[in-house]
Amino acid sequence: TRFDFADFVEGRFTISRDYAKSAVYLQMNSLKPEDTAVYYC
């Protein structure tokens, strides 16, 4: 029920989770070249 985002996300990303699948998803829209990185959970 609680979420947090870095300022640079600027509303472009959403986060959700599926307890049945033990999964968390990060939906990233309007990606920019500066988003290039290795992403870790």
Full PDB file with SEQRES, HELIX, SHEET, SSBOND, CRYST1, ORIGX, SCALE, CONECT and MASTER records, all heavy atoms in Angstrom:
SEQRES   1 A   41  THR ARG PHE ASP PHE ALA ASP PHE VAL GLU GLY ARG PHE          
SEQRES   2 A   41  THR ILE SER ARG ASP TYR ALA LYS SER ALA VAL TYR LEU          
SEQRES   3 A   41  GLN MET ASN SER LEU LYS PRO GLU ASP THR ALA VAL TYR          
SEQRES   4 A   41  TYR CYS                                                      
HELIX    1 AA1 ASP A    7  VAL A    9  5                                   3    
HELIX    2 AA2 TYR A   19  LYS A   21  5                                   3    
HELIX    3 AA3 PRO A   33  ASP A   35  5                                   3    
SHEET    1 AA1 2 PHE A  13  ASP A  18  0                                        
SHEET    2 AA1 2 ALA A  23  MET A  28 -1                                        
CRYST1    1.000    1.000    1.000  90.00  90.00  90.00 P 1           1          
ORIGX1      1.000000  0.000000  0.000000        0.00000                         
ORIGX2      0.000000  1.000000  0.000000        0.00000                         
ORIGX3      0.000000  0.000000  1.000000        0.00000                         
SCALE1      1.000000  0.000000  0.000000        0.00000                         
SCALE2      0.000000  1.000000  0.000000        0.00000                         
SCALE3      0.000000  0.000000  1.000000        0.00000                         
ATOM      1  N   THR A   1       0.801  -1.221   0.000  1.00  0.00           N  
ATOM      2  CA  THR A   1       0.000   0.000   0.000  1.00  0.00           C  
ATOM      3  C   THR A   1       0.834   1.271   0.000  1.00  0.00           C  
ATOM      4  O   THR A   1       0.286   2.363  -0.140  1.00  0.00           O  
ATOM      5  CB  THR A   1      -0.932   0.021   1.221  1.00  0.00           C  
ATOM      6  OG1 THR A   1      -0.142  -0.065   2.412  1.00  0.00           O  
ATOM      7  CG2 THR A   1      -1.911  -1.146   1.165  1.00  0.00           C  
ATOM      8  N   ARG A   2       2.139   1.146   0.183  1.00  0.00           N  
ATOM      9  CA  ARG A   2       3.003   2.322   0.197  1.00  0.00           C  
ATOM     10  C   ARG A   2       4.075   2.176  -0.868  1.00  0.00           C  
ATOM     11  O   ARG A   2       4.606   1.088  -1.093  1.00  0.00           O  
ATOM     12  CB  ARG A   2       3.620   2.517   1.575  1.00  0.00           C  
ATOM     13  CG  ARG A   2       2.570   2.795   2.642  1.00  0.00           C  
ATOM     14  CD  ARG A   2       3.174   3.157   3.970  1.00  0.00           C  
ATOM     15  NE  ARG A   2       2.125   3.494   4.942  1.00  0.00           N  
ATOM     16  CZ  ARG A   2       2.353   3.888   6.181  1.00  0.00           C  
ATOM     17  NH1 ARG A   2       3.607   4.017   6.615  1.00  0.00           N  
ATOM     18  NH2 ARG A   2       1.360   4.150   6.999  1.00  0.00           N  
ATOM     19  N   PHE A   3       4.372   3.296  -1.502  1.00  0.00           N  
ATOM     20  CA  PHE A   3       5.322   3.310  -2.600  1.00  0.00           C  
ATOM     21  C   PHE A   3       6.243   4.507  -2.447  1.00  0.00           C  
ATOM     22  O   PHE A   3       5.883   5.503  -1.817  1.00  0.00           O  
ATOM     23  CB  PHE A   3       4.594   3.429  -3.956  1.00  0.00           C  
ATOM     24  CG  PHE A   3       3.359   2.611  -4.060  1.00  0.00           C  
ATOM     25  CD1 PHE A   3       2.129   3.144  -3.715  1.00  0.00           C  
ATOM     26  CD2 PHE A   3       3.419   1.297  -4.483  1.00  0.00           C  
ATOM     27  CE1 PHE A   3       0.977   2.383  -3.800  1.00  0.00           C  
ATOM     28  CE2 PHE A   3       2.270   0.532  -4.582  1.00  0.00           C  
ATOM     29  CZ  PHE A   3       1.050   1.070  -4.226  1.00  0.00           C  
ATOM     30  N   ASP A   4       7.394   4.398  -3.051  1.00  0.00           N  
ATOM     31  CA  ASP A   4       8.292   5.541  -3.070  1.00  0.00           C  
ATOM     32  C   ASP A   4       9.044   5.523  -4.403  1.00  0.00           C  
ATOM     33  O   ASP A   4       9.331   4.447  -4.948  1.00  0.00           O  
ATOM     34  CB  ASP A   4       9.278   5.475  -1.902  1.00  0.00           C  
ATOM     35  CG  ASP A   4       9.833   6.833  -1.531  1.00  0.00           C  
ATOM     36  OD1 ASP A   4       9.674   7.794  -2.320  1.00  0.00           O  
ATOM     37  OD2 ASP A   4      10.431   6.950  -0.443  1.00  0.00           O  
ATOM     38  N   PHE A   5       9.317   6.709  -4.898  1.00  0.00           N  
ATOM     39  CA  PHE A   5      10.025   6.851  -6.161  1.00  0.00           C  
ATOM     40  C   PHE A   5      11.078   7.938  -6.033  1.00  0.00           C  
ATOM     41  O   PHE A   5      10.867   8.941  -5.344  1.00  0.00           O  
ATOM     42  CB  PHE A   5       9.065   7.233  -7.295  1.00  0.00           C  
ATOM     43  CG  PHE A   5       8.033   6.197  -7.601  1.00  0.00           C  
ATOM     44  CD1 PHE A   5       6.801   6.221  -6.985  1.00  0.00           C  
ATOM     45  CD2 PHE A   5       8.304   5.185  -8.513  1.00  0.00           C  
ATOM     46  CE1 PHE A   5       5.845   5.259  -7.257  1.00  0.00           C  
ATOM     47  CE2 PHE A   5       7.356   4.216  -8.799  1.00  0.00           C  
ATOM     48  CZ  PHE A   5       6.124   4.241  -8.162  1.00  0.00           C  
ATOM     49  N   ALA A   6      12.179   7.756  -6.713  1.00  0.00           N  
ATOM     50  CA  ALA A   6      13.191   8.801  -6.774  1.00  0.00           C  
ATOM     51  C   ALA A   6      12.660   9.985  -7.573  1.00  0.00           C  
ATOM     52  O   ALA A   6      11.777   9.823  -8.432  1.00  0.00           O  
ATOM     53  CB  ALA A   6      14.463   8.256  -7.420  1.00  0.00           C  
ATOM     54  N   ASP A   7      13.184  11.150  -7.291  1.00  0.00           N  
ATOM     55  CA  ASP A   7      12.722  12.360  -7.982  1.00  0.00           C  
ATOM     56  C   ASP A   7      12.902  12.259  -9.493  1.00  0.00           C  
ATOM     57  O   ASP A   7      12.070  12.754 -10.262  1.00  0.00           O  
ATOM     58  CB  ASP A   7      13.465  13.587  -7.442  1.00  0.00           C  
ATOM     59  CG  ASP A   7      13.056  13.942  -6.025  1.00  0.00           C  
ATOM     60  OD1 ASP A   7      11.990  13.462  -5.580  1.00  0.00           O  
ATOM     61  OD2 ASP A   7      13.802  14.692  -5.360  1.00  0.00           O  
ATOM     62  N   PHE A   8      13.957  11.599  -9.924  1.00  0.00           N  
ATOM     63  CA  PHE A   8      14.228  11.560 -11.370  1.00  0.00           C  
ATOM     64  C   PHE A   8      13.206  10.710 -12.130  1.00  0.00           C  
ATOM     65  O   PHE A   8      13.139  10.763 -13.343  1.00  0.00           O  
ATOM     66  CB  PHE A   8      15.650  11.059 -11.655  1.00  0.00           C  
ATOM     67  CG  PHE A   8      15.940   9.662 -11.166  1.00  0.00           C  
ATOM     68  CD1 PHE A   8      15.453   8.552 -11.830  1.00  0.00           C  
ATOM     69  CD2 PHE A   8      16.729   9.463 -10.041  1.00  0.00           C  
ATOM     70  CE1 PHE A   8      15.718   7.270 -11.389  1.00  0.00           C  
ATOM     71  CE2 PHE A   8      17.004   8.191  -9.578  1.00  0.00           C  
ATOM     72  CZ  PHE A   8      16.496   7.083 -10.247  1.00  0.00           C  
ATOM     73  N   VAL A   9      12.394   9.935 -11.415  1.00  0.00           N  
ATOM     74  CA  VAL A   9      11.380   9.127 -12.095  1.00  0.00           C  
ATOM     75  C   VAL A   9      10.327  10.021 -12.745  1.00  0.00           C  
ATOM     76  O   VAL A   9       9.847   9.734 -13.844  1.00  0.00           O  
ATOM     77  CB  VAL A   9      10.751   8.134 -11.108  1.00  0.00           C  
ATOM     78  CG1 VAL A   9       9.521   7.471 -11.714  1.00  0.00           C  
ATOM     79  CG2 VAL A   9      11.772   7.088 -10.691  1.00  0.00           C  
ATOM     80  N   GLU A  10       9.968  11.099 -12.068  1.00  0.00           N  
ATOM     81  CA  GLU A  10       9.057  12.106 -12.639  1.00  0.00           C  
ATOM     82  C   GLU A  10       7.769  11.500 -13.185  1.00  0.00           C  
ATOM     83  O   GLU A  10       7.292  11.882 -14.263  1.00  0.00           O  
ATOM     84  CB  GLU A  10       9.774  12.890 -13.738  1.00  0.00           C  
ATOM     85  CG  GLU A  10      11.000  13.645 -13.242  1.00  0.00           C  
ATOM     86  CD  GLU A  10      11.753  14.329 -14.369  1.00  0.00           C  
ATOM     87  OE1 GLU A  10      11.856  13.745 -15.459  1.00  0.00           O  
ATOM     88  OE2 GLU A  10      12.243  15.451 -14.142  1.00  0.00           O  
ATOM     89  N   GLY A  11       7.205  10.522 -12.484  1.00  0.00           N  
ATOM     90  CA  GLY A  11       5.926   9.947 -12.871  1.00  0.00           C  
ATOM     91  C   GLY A  11       5.984   8.945 -14.014  1.00  0.00           C  
ATOM     92  O   GLY A  11       4.939   8.481 -14.484  1.00  0.00           O  
ATOM     93  N   ARG A  12       7.160   8.589 -14.471  1.00  0.00           N  
ATOM     94  CA  ARG A  12       7.281   7.699 -15.620  1.00  0.00           C  
ATOM     95  C   ARG A  12       7.206   6.215 -15.254  1.00  0.00           C  
ATOM     96  O   ARG A  12       6.907   5.377 -16.125  1.00  0.00           O  
ATOM     97  CB  ARG A  12       8.623   7.963 -16.326  1.00  0.00           C  
ATOM     98  CG  ARG A  12       8.767   9.379 -16.839  1.00  0.00           C  
ATOM     99  CD  ARG A  12      10.137   9.593 -17.484  1.00  0.00           C  
ATOM    100  NE  ARG A  12      11.221   9.468 -16.501  1.00  0.00           N  
ATOM    101  CZ  ARG A  12      12.294   8.694 -16.680  1.00  0.00           C  
ATOM    102  NH1 ARG A  12      12.442   7.999 -17.789  1.00  0.00           N  
ATOM    103  NH2 ARG A  12      13.237   8.646 -15.749  1.00  0.00           N  
ATOM    104  N   PHE A  13       7.488   5.871 -14.003  1.00  0.00           N  
ATOM    105  CA  PHE A  13       7.540   4.466 -13.574  1.00  0.00           C  
ATOM    106  C   PHE A  13       6.405   4.163 -12.605  1.00  0.00           C  
ATOM    107  O   PHE A  13       5.941   5.030 -11.853  1.00  0.00           O  
ATOM    108  CB  PHE A  13       8.864   4.179 -12.857  1.00  0.00           C  
ATOM    109  CG  PHE A  13      10.111   4.394 -13.658  1.00  0.00           C  
ATOM    110  CD1 PHE A  13      11.355   4.241 -13.063  1.00  0.00           C  
ATOM    111  CD2 PHE A  13      10.072   4.727 -15.012  1.00  0.00           C  
ATOM    112  CE1 PHE A  13      12.526   4.428 -13.772  1.00  0.00           C  
ATOM    113  CE2 PHE A  13      11.237   4.916 -15.743  1.00  0.00           C  
ATOM    114  CZ  PHE A  13      12.459   4.772 -15.111  1.00  0.00           C  
ATOM    115  N   THR A  14       5.957   2.914 -12.617  1.00  0.00           N  
ATOM    116  CA  THR A  14       5.042   2.429 -11.589  1.00  0.00           C  
ATOM    117  C   THR A  14       5.602   1.124 -11.033  1.00  0.00           C  
ATOM    118  O   THR A  14       6.367   0.428 -11.701  1.00  0.00           O  
ATOM    119  CB  THR A  14       3.627   2.198 -12.140  1.00  0.00           C  
ATOM    120  OG1 THR A  14       3.696   1.253 -13.219  1.00  0.00           O  
ATOM    121  CG2 THR A  14       3.006   3.495 -12.642  1.00  0.00           C  
ATOM    122  N   ILE A  15       5.197   0.805  -9.812  1.00  0.00           N  
ATOM    123  CA  ILE A  15       5.658  -0.418  -9.164  1.00  0.00           C  
ATOM    124  C   ILE A  15       4.453  -1.166  -8.630  1.00  0.00           C  
ATOM    125  O   ILE A  15       3.480  -0.548  -8.172  1.00  0.00           O  
ATOM    126  CB  ILE A  15       6.675  -0.092  -8.044  1.00  0.00           C  
ATOM    127  CG1 ILE A  15       7.332  -1.357  -7.529  1.00  0.00           C  
ATOM    128  CG2 ILE A  15       6.031   0.722  -6.926  1.00  0.00           C  
ATOM    129  CD1 ILE A  15       8.538  -1.085  -6.618  1.00  0.00           C  
ATOM    130  N   SER A  16       4.498  -2.483  -8.724  1.00  0.00           N  
ATOM    131  CA  SER A  16       3.394  -3.308  -8.257  1.00  0.00           C  
ATOM    132  C   SER A  16       3.944  -4.646  -7.807  1.00  0.00           C  
ATOM    133  O   SER A  16       5.102  -4.977  -8.064  1.00  0.00           O  
ATOM    134  CB  SER A  16       2.356  -3.503  -9.377  1.00  0.00           C  
ATOM    135  OG  SER A  16       2.944  -4.155 -10.494  1.00  0.00           O  
ATOM    136  N   ARG A  17       3.099  -5.427  -7.130  1.00  0.00           N  
ATOM    137  CA  ARG A  17       3.550  -6.748  -6.700  1.00  0.00           C  
ATOM    138  C   ARG A  17       2.409  -7.744  -6.805  1.00  0.00           C  
ATOM    139  O   ARG A  17       1.234  -7.379  -6.690  1.00  0.00           O  
ATOM    140  CB  ARG A  17       4.120  -6.692  -5.293  1.00  0.00           C  
ATOM    141  CG  ARG A  17       3.184  -6.354  -4.168  1.00  0.00           C  
ATOM    142  CD  ARG A  17       3.965  -6.118  -2.862  1.00  0.00           C  
ATOM    143  NE  ARG A  17       4.832  -7.244  -2.519  1.00  0.00           N  
ATOM    144  CZ  ARG A  17       5.853  -7.169  -1.653  1.00  0.00           C  
ATOM    145  NH1 ARG A  17       6.129  -6.037  -1.036  1.00  0.00           N  
ATOM    146  NH2 ARG A  17       6.593  -8.242  -1.395  1.00  0.00           N  
ATOM    147  N   ASP A  18       2.798  -8.989  -7.030  1.00  0.00           N  
ATOM    148  CA  ASP A  18       1.874 -10.109  -7.122  1.00  0.00           C  
ATOM    149  C   ASP A  18       2.303 -11.106  -6.052  1.00  0.00           C  
ATOM    150  O   ASP A  18       3.290 -11.820  -6.231  1.00  0.00           O  
ATOM    151  CB  ASP A  18       1.941 -10.715  -8.527  1.00  0.00           C  
ATOM    152  CG  ASP A  18       0.949 -11.836  -8.727  1.00  0.00           C  
ATOM    153  OD1 ASP A  18       0.558 -12.491  -7.745  1.00  0.00           O  
ATOM    154  OD2 ASP A  18       0.570 -12.080  -9.885  1.00  0.00           O  
ATOM    155  N   TYR A  19       1.547 -11.173  -4.958  1.00  0.00           N  
ATOM    156  CA  TYR A  19       1.937 -12.028  -3.851  1.00  0.00           C  
ATOM    157  C   TYR A  19       1.892 -13.511  -4.239  1.00  0.00           C  
ATOM    158  O   TYR A  19       2.725 -14.292  -3.791  1.00  0.00           O  
ATOM    159  CB  TYR A  19       1.032 -11.772  -2.648  1.00  0.00           C  
ATOM    160  CG  TYR A  19       1.219 -10.403  -2.042  1.00  0.00           C  
ATOM    161  CD1 TYR A  19       0.352  -9.361  -2.356  1.00  0.00           C  
ATOM    162  CD2 TYR A  19       2.268 -10.149  -1.159  1.00  0.00           C  
ATOM    163  CE1 TYR A  19       0.532  -8.099  -1.808  1.00  0.00           C  
ATOM    164  CE2 TYR A  19       2.447  -8.891  -0.605  1.00  0.00           C  
ATOM    165  CZ  TYR A  19       1.573  -7.876  -0.942  1.00  0.00           C  
ATOM    166  OH  TYR A  19       1.749  -6.618  -0.399  1.00  0.00           O  
ATOM    167  N   ALA A  20       0.952 -13.887  -5.057  1.00  0.00           N  
ATOM    168  CA  ALA A  20       0.828 -15.289  -5.466  1.00  0.00           C  
ATOM    169  C   ALA A  20       2.060 -15.767  -6.225  1.00  0.00           C  
ATOM    170  O   ALA A  20       2.433 -16.936  -6.140  1.00  0.00           O  
ATOM    171  CB  ALA A  20      -0.419 -15.483  -6.314  1.00  0.00           C  
ATOM    172  N   LYS A  21       2.691 -14.845  -6.946  1.00  0.00           N  
ATOM    173  CA  LYS A  21       3.874 -15.193  -7.735  1.00  0.00           C  
ATOM    174  C   LYS A  21       5.167 -14.758  -7.046  1.00  0.00           C  
ATOM    175  O   LYS A  21       6.242 -14.923  -7.611  1.00  0.00           O  
ATOM    176  CB  LYS A  21       3.792 -14.555  -9.123  1.00  0.00           C  
ATOM    177  CG  LYS A  21       2.615 -15.057  -9.949  1.00  0.00           C  
ATOM    178  CD  LYS A  21       2.609 -14.418 -11.325  1.00  0.00           C  
ATOM    179  CE  LYS A  21       1.441 -14.956 -12.156  1.00  0.00           C  
ATOM    180  NZ  LYS A  21       1.395 -14.340 -13.510  1.00  0.00           N  
ATOM    181  N   SER A  22       5.056 -14.178  -5.857  1.00  0.00           N  
ATOM    182  CA  SER A  22       6.232 -13.654  -5.134  1.00  0.00           C  
ATOM    183  C   SER A  22       7.038 -12.722  -6.032  1.00  0.00           C  
ATOM    184  O   SER A  22       8.276 -12.775  -6.050  1.00  0.00           O  
ATOM    185  CB  SER A  22       7.111 -14.814  -4.648  1.00  0.00           C  
ATOM    186  OG  SER A  22       6.414 -15.621  -3.732  1.00  0.00           O  
ATOM    187  N   ALA A  23       6.328 -11.886  -6.759  1.00  0.00           N  
ATOM    188  CA  ALA A  23       6.972 -11.035  -7.755  1.00  0.00           C  
ATOM    189  C   ALA A  23       6.668  -9.558  -7.517  1.00  0.00           C  
ATOM    190  O   ALA A  23       5.592  -9.203  -7.027  1.00  0.00           O  
ATOM    191  CB  ALA A  23       6.519 -11.418  -9.155  1.00  0.00           C  
ATOM    192  N   VAL A  24       7.629  -8.738  -7.880  1.00  0.00           N  
ATOM    193  CA  VAL A  24       7.467  -7.286  -7.891  1.00  0.00           C  
ATOM    194  C   VAL A  24       7.856  -6.803  -9.276  1.00  0.00           C  
ATOM    195  O   VAL A  24       8.851  -7.263  -9.845  1.00  0.00           O  
ATOM    196  CB  VAL A  24       8.341  -6.619  -6.820  1.00  0.00           C  
ATOM    197  CG1 VAL A  24       8.321  -5.097  -6.971  1.00  0.00           C  
ATOM    198  CG2 VAL A  24       7.846  -7.002  -5.423  1.00  0.00           C  
ATOM    199  N   TYR A  25       7.055  -5.887  -9.812  1.00  0.00           N  
ATOM    200  CA  TYR A  25       7.277  -5.397 -11.169  1.00  0.00           C  
ATOM    201  C   TYR A  25       7.560  -3.897 -11.158  1.00  0.00           C  
ATOM    202  O   TYR A  25       6.942  -3.140 -10.410  1.00  0.00           O  
ATOM    203  CB  TYR A  25       6.043  -5.666 -12.028  1.00  0.00           C  
ATOM    204  CG  TYR A  25       5.617  -7.104 -12.014  1.00  0.00           C  
ATOM    205  CD1 TYR A  25       4.510  -7.513 -11.272  1.00  0.00           C  
ATOM    206  CD2 TYR A  25       6.328  -8.070 -12.729  1.00  0.00           C  
ATOM    207  CE1 TYR A  25       4.123  -8.844 -11.244  1.00  0.00           C  
ATOM    208  CE2 TYR A  25       5.947  -9.395 -12.702  1.00  0.00           C  
ATOM    209  CZ  TYR A  25       4.847  -9.778 -11.962  1.00  0.00           C  
ATOM    210  OH  TYR A  25       4.474 -11.091 -11.933  1.00  0.00           O  
ATOM    211  N   LEU A  26       8.470  -3.493 -12.013  1.00  0.00           N  
ATOM    212  CA  LEU A  26       8.752  -2.071 -12.217  1.00  0.00           C  
ATOM    213  C   LEU A  26       8.452  -1.763 -13.676  1.00  0.00           C  
ATOM    214  O   LEU A  26       9.187  -2.190 -14.567  1.00  0.00           O  
ATOM    215  CB  LEU A  26      10.203  -1.746 -11.885  1.00  0.00           C  
ATOM    216  CG  LEU A  26      10.582  -0.268 -11.996  1.00  0.00           C  
ATOM    217  CD1 LEU A  26       9.860   0.548 -10.926  1.00  0.00           C  
ATOM    218  CD2 LEU A  26      12.093  -0.073 -11.874  1.00  0.00           C  
ATOM    219  N   GLN A  27       7.352  -1.080 -13.905  1.00  0.00           N  
ATOM    220  CA  GLN A  27       6.976  -0.663 -15.252  1.00  0.00           C  
ATOM    221  C   GLN A  27       7.615   0.689 -15.530  1.00  0.00           C  
ATOM    222  O   GLN A  27       7.355   1.663 -14.827  1.00  0.00           O  
ATOM    223  CB  GLN A  27       5.453  -0.548 -15.369  1.00  0.00           C  
ATOM    224  CG  GLN A  27       4.963  -0.046 -16.709  1.00  0.00           C  
ATOM    225  CD  GLN A  27       5.221  -1.021 -17.838  1.00  0.00           C  
ATOM    226  OE1 GLN A  27       5.025  -2.221 -17.688  1.00  0.00           O  
ATOM    227  NE2 GLN A  27       5.684  -0.514 -18.968  1.00  0.00           N  
ATOM    228  N   MET A  28       8.443   0.731 -16.547  1.00  0.00           N  
ATOM    229  CA  MET A  28       9.181   1.946 -16.883  1.00  0.00           C  
ATOM    230  C   MET A  28       8.725   2.446 -18.250  1.00  0.00           C  
ATOM    231  O   MET A  28       8.904   1.756 -19.254  1.00  0.00           O  
ATOM    232  CB  MET A  28      10.687   1.678 -16.879  1.00  0.00           C  
ATOM    233  CG  MET A  28      11.190   1.069 -15.574  1.00  0.00           C  
ATOM    234  SD  MET A  28      12.993   0.969 -15.486  1.00  0.00           S  
ATOM    235  CE  MET A  28      13.329  -0.181 -16.804  1.00  0.00           C  
ATOM    236  N   ASN A  29       8.134   3.617 -18.268  1.00  0.00           N  
ATOM    237  CA  ASN A  29       7.660   4.237 -19.507  1.00  0.00           C  
ATOM    238  C   ASN A  29       8.492   5.480 -19.831  1.00  0.00           C  
ATOM    239  O   ASN A  29       9.196   6.011 -18.961  1.00  0.00           O  
ATOM    240  CB  ASN A  29       6.192   4.623 -19.356  1.00  0.00           C  
ATOM    241  CG  ASN A  29       5.303   3.433 -19.060  1.00  0.00           C  
ATOM    242  OD1 ASN A  29       5.526   2.326 -19.563  1.00  0.00           O  
ATOM    243  ND2 ASN A  29       4.281   3.642 -18.246  1.00  0.00           N  
ATOM    244  N   SER A  30       8.402   5.921 -21.052  1.00  0.00           N  
ATOM    245  CA  SER A  30       9.105   7.137 -21.489  1.00  0.00           C  
ATOM    246  C   SER A  30      10.578   7.093 -21.087  1.00  0.00           C  
ATOM    247  O   SER A  30      11.122   8.056 -20.518  1.00  0.00           O  
ATOM    248  CB  SER A  30       8.431   8.381 -20.892  1.00  0.00           C  
ATOM    249  OG  SER A  30       7.071   8.439 -21.269  1.00  0.00           O  
ATOM    250  N   LEU A  31      11.213   5.977 -21.389  1.00  0.00           N  
ATOM    251  CA  LEU A  31      12.609   5.814 -20.998  1.00  0.00           C  
ATOM    252  C   LEU A  31      13.509   6.804 -21.734  1.00  0.00           C  
ATOM    253  O   LEU A  31      13.247   7.182 -22.882  1.00  0.00           O  
ATOM    254  CB  LEU A  31      13.057   4.379 -21.277  1.00  0.00           C  
ATOM    255  CG  LEU A  31      12.551   3.350 -20.252  1.00  0.00           C  
ATOM    256  CD1 LEU A  31      12.676   1.939 -20.801  1.00  0.00           C  
ATOM    257  CD2 LEU A  31      13.311   3.492 -18.946  1.00  0.00           C  
ATOM    258  N   LYS A  32      14.552   7.203 -21.017  1.00  0.00           N  
ATOM    259  CA  LYS A  32      15.517   8.162 -21.544  1.00  0.00           C  
ATOM    260  C   LYS A  32      16.909   7.526 -21.559  1.00  0.00           C  
ATOM    261  O   LYS A  32      17.164   6.590 -20.784  1.00  0.00           O  
ATOM    262  CB  LYS A  32      15.549   9.401 -20.642  1.00  0.00           C  
ATOM    263  CG  LYS A  32      14.208  10.052 -20.381  1.00  0.00           C  
ATOM    264  CD  LYS A  32      14.350  11.172 -19.365  1.00  0.00           C  
ATOM    265  CE  LYS A  32      13.016  11.793 -19.012  1.00  0.00           C  
ATOM    266  NZ  LYS A  32      13.163  12.885 -18.013  1.00  0.00           N  
ATOM    267  N   PRO A  33      17.805   8.034 -22.375  1.00  0.00           N  
ATOM    268  CA  PRO A  33      19.173   7.489 -22.372  1.00  0.00           C  
ATOM    269  C   PRO A  33      19.812   7.521 -20.984  1.00  0.00           C  
ATOM    270  O   PRO A  33      20.589   6.607 -20.646  1.00  0.00           O  
ATOM    271  CB  PRO A  33      19.903   8.404 -23.354  1.00  0.00           C  
ATOM    272  CG  PRO A  33      18.837   8.829 -24.318  1.00  0.00           C  
ATOM    273  CD  PRO A  33      17.604   8.993 -23.478  1.00  0.00           C  
ATOM    274  N   GLU A  34      19.484   8.510 -20.176  1.00  0.00           N  
ATOM    275  CA  GLU A  34      20.061   8.580 -18.832  1.00  0.00           C  
ATOM    276  C   GLU A  34      19.516   7.523 -17.872  1.00  0.00           C  
ATOM    277  O   GLU A  34      20.005   7.396 -16.748  1.00  0.00           O  
ATOM    278  CB  GLU A  34      19.872   9.977 -18.224  1.00  0.00           C  
ATOM    279  CG  GLU A  34      18.455  10.501 -18.297  1.00  0.00           C  
ATOM    280  CD  GLU A  34      18.226  11.414 -19.491  1.00  0.00           C  
ATOM    281  OE1 GLU A  34      18.679  11.063 -20.621  1.00  0.00           O  
ATOM    282  OE2 GLU A  34      17.582  12.469 -19.309  1.00  0.00           O  
ATOM    283  N   ASP A  35      18.527   6.761 -18.306  1.00  0.00           N  
ATOM    284  CA  ASP A  35      18.035   5.634 -17.512  1.00  0.00           C  
ATOM    285  C   ASP A  35      18.883   4.378 -17.729  1.00  0.00           C  
ATOM    286  O   ASP A  35      18.652   3.354 -17.064  1.00  0.00           O  
ATOM    287  CB  ASP A  35      16.586   5.312 -17.865  1.00  0.00           C  
ATOM    288  CG  ASP A  35      15.614   6.410 -17.456  1.00  0.00           C  
ATOM    289  OD1 ASP A  35      15.770   6.946 -16.339  1.00  0.00           O  
ATOM    290  OD2 ASP A  35      14.718   6.730 -18.259  1.00  0.00           O  
ATOM    291  N   THR A  36      19.829   4.446 -18.632  1.00  0.00           N  
ATOM    292  CA  THR A  36      20.709   3.307 -18.893  1.00  0.00           C  
ATOM    293  C   THR A  36      21.505   2.953 -17.640  1.00  0.00           C  
ATOM    294  O   THR A  36      22.196   3.800 -17.066  1.00  0.00           O  
ATOM    295  CB  THR A  36      21.671   3.633 -20.051  1.00  0.00           C  
ATOM    296  OG1 THR A  36      20.908   3.809 -21.245  1.00  0.00           O  
ATOM    297  CG2 THR A  36      22.684   2.511 -20.240  1.00  0.00           C  
ATOM    298  N   ALA A  37      21.381   1.690 -17.213  1.00  0.00           N  
ATOM    299  CA  ALA A  37      22.038   1.234 -15.991  1.00  0.00           C  
ATOM    300  C   ALA A  37      21.744  -0.244 -15.798  1.00  0.00           C  
ATOM    301  O   ALA A  37      20.905  -0.822 -16.500  1.00  0.00           O  
ATOM    302  CB  ALA A  37      21.523   2.019 -14.783  1.00  0.00           C  
ATOM    303  N   VAL A  38      22.418  -0.831 -14.830  1.00  0.00           N  
ATOM    304  CA  VAL A  38      22.043  -2.158 -14.347  1.00  0.00           C  
ATOM    305  C   VAL A  38      21.041  -1.946 -13.218  1.00  0.00           C  
ATOM    306  O   VAL A  38      21.301  -1.174 -12.288  1.00  0.00           O  
ATOM    307  CB  VAL A  38      23.254  -2.953 -13.838  1.00  0.00           C  
ATOM    308  CG1 VAL A  38      22.810  -4.298 -13.288  1.00  0.00           C  
ATOM    309  CG2 VAL A  38      24.263  -3.141 -14.969  1.00  0.00           C  
ATOM    310  N   TYR A  39      19.912  -2.601 -13.328  1.00  0.00           N  
ATOM    311  CA  TYR A  39      18.848  -2.465 -12.341  1.00  0.00           C  
ATOM    312  C   TYR A  39      18.832  -3.683 -11.423  1.00  0.00           C  
ATOM    313  O   TYR A  39      18.854  -4.823 -11.895  1.00  0.00           O  
ATOM    314  CB  TYR A  39      17.501  -2.300 -13.034  1.00  0.00           C  
ATOM    315  CG  TYR A  39      17.308  -0.912 -13.605  1.00  0.00           C  
ATOM    316  CD1 TYR A  39      18.029  -0.499 -14.724  1.00  0.00           C  
ATOM    317  CD2 TYR A  39      16.430  -0.005 -13.013  1.00  0.00           C  
ATOM    318  CE1 TYR A  39      17.885   0.786 -15.238  1.00  0.00           C  
ATOM    319  CE2 TYR A  39      16.269   1.278 -13.524  1.00  0.00           C  
ATOM    320  CZ  TYR A  39      17.004   1.662 -14.635  1.00  0.00           C  
ATOM    321  OH  TYR A  39      16.849   2.932 -15.142  1.00  0.00           O  
ATOM    322  N   TYR A  40      18.770  -3.415 -10.113  1.00  0.00           N  
ATOM    323  CA  TYR A  40      18.778  -4.461  -9.103  1.00  0.00           C  
ATOM    324  C   TYR A  40      17.514  -4.369  -8.245  1.00  0.00           C  
ATOM    325  O   TYR A  40      17.067  -3.265  -7.913  1.00  0.00           O  
ATOM    326  CB  TYR A  40      19.968  -4.306  -8.164  1.00  0.00           C  
ATOM    327  CG  TYR A  40      21.319  -4.338  -8.802  1.00  0.00           C  
ATOM    328  CD1 TYR A  40      21.914  -3.177  -9.303  1.00  0.00           C  
ATOM    329  CD2 TYR A  40      22.033  -5.530  -8.905  1.00  0.00           C  
ATOM    330  CE1 TYR A  40      23.168  -3.203  -9.886  1.00  0.00           C  
ATOM    331  CE2 TYR A  40      23.285  -5.576  -9.491  1.00  0.00           C  
ATOM    332  CZ  TYR A  40      23.834  -4.413  -9.984  1.00  0.00           C  
ATOM    333  OH  TYR A  40      25.087  -4.455 -10.562  1.00  0.00           O  
ATOM    334  N   CYS A  41      16.983  -5.520  -7.871  1.00  0.00           N  
ATOM    335  CA  CYS A  41      15.959  -5.502  -6.825  1.00  0.00           C  
ATOM    336  C   CYS A  41      16.594  -6.024  -5.539  1.00  0.00           C  
ATOM    337  O   CYS A  41      17.584  -6.769  -5.577  1.00  0.00           O  
ATOM    338  CB  CYS A  41      14.726  -6.298  -7.209  1.00  0.00           C  
ATOM    339  SG  CYS A  41      14.958  -8.075  -7.410  1.00  0.00           S  
TER     340      CYS A  41                                                      
MASTER        0    0    0    3    2    0    0    6  339    1    0    4          
END                                                                             
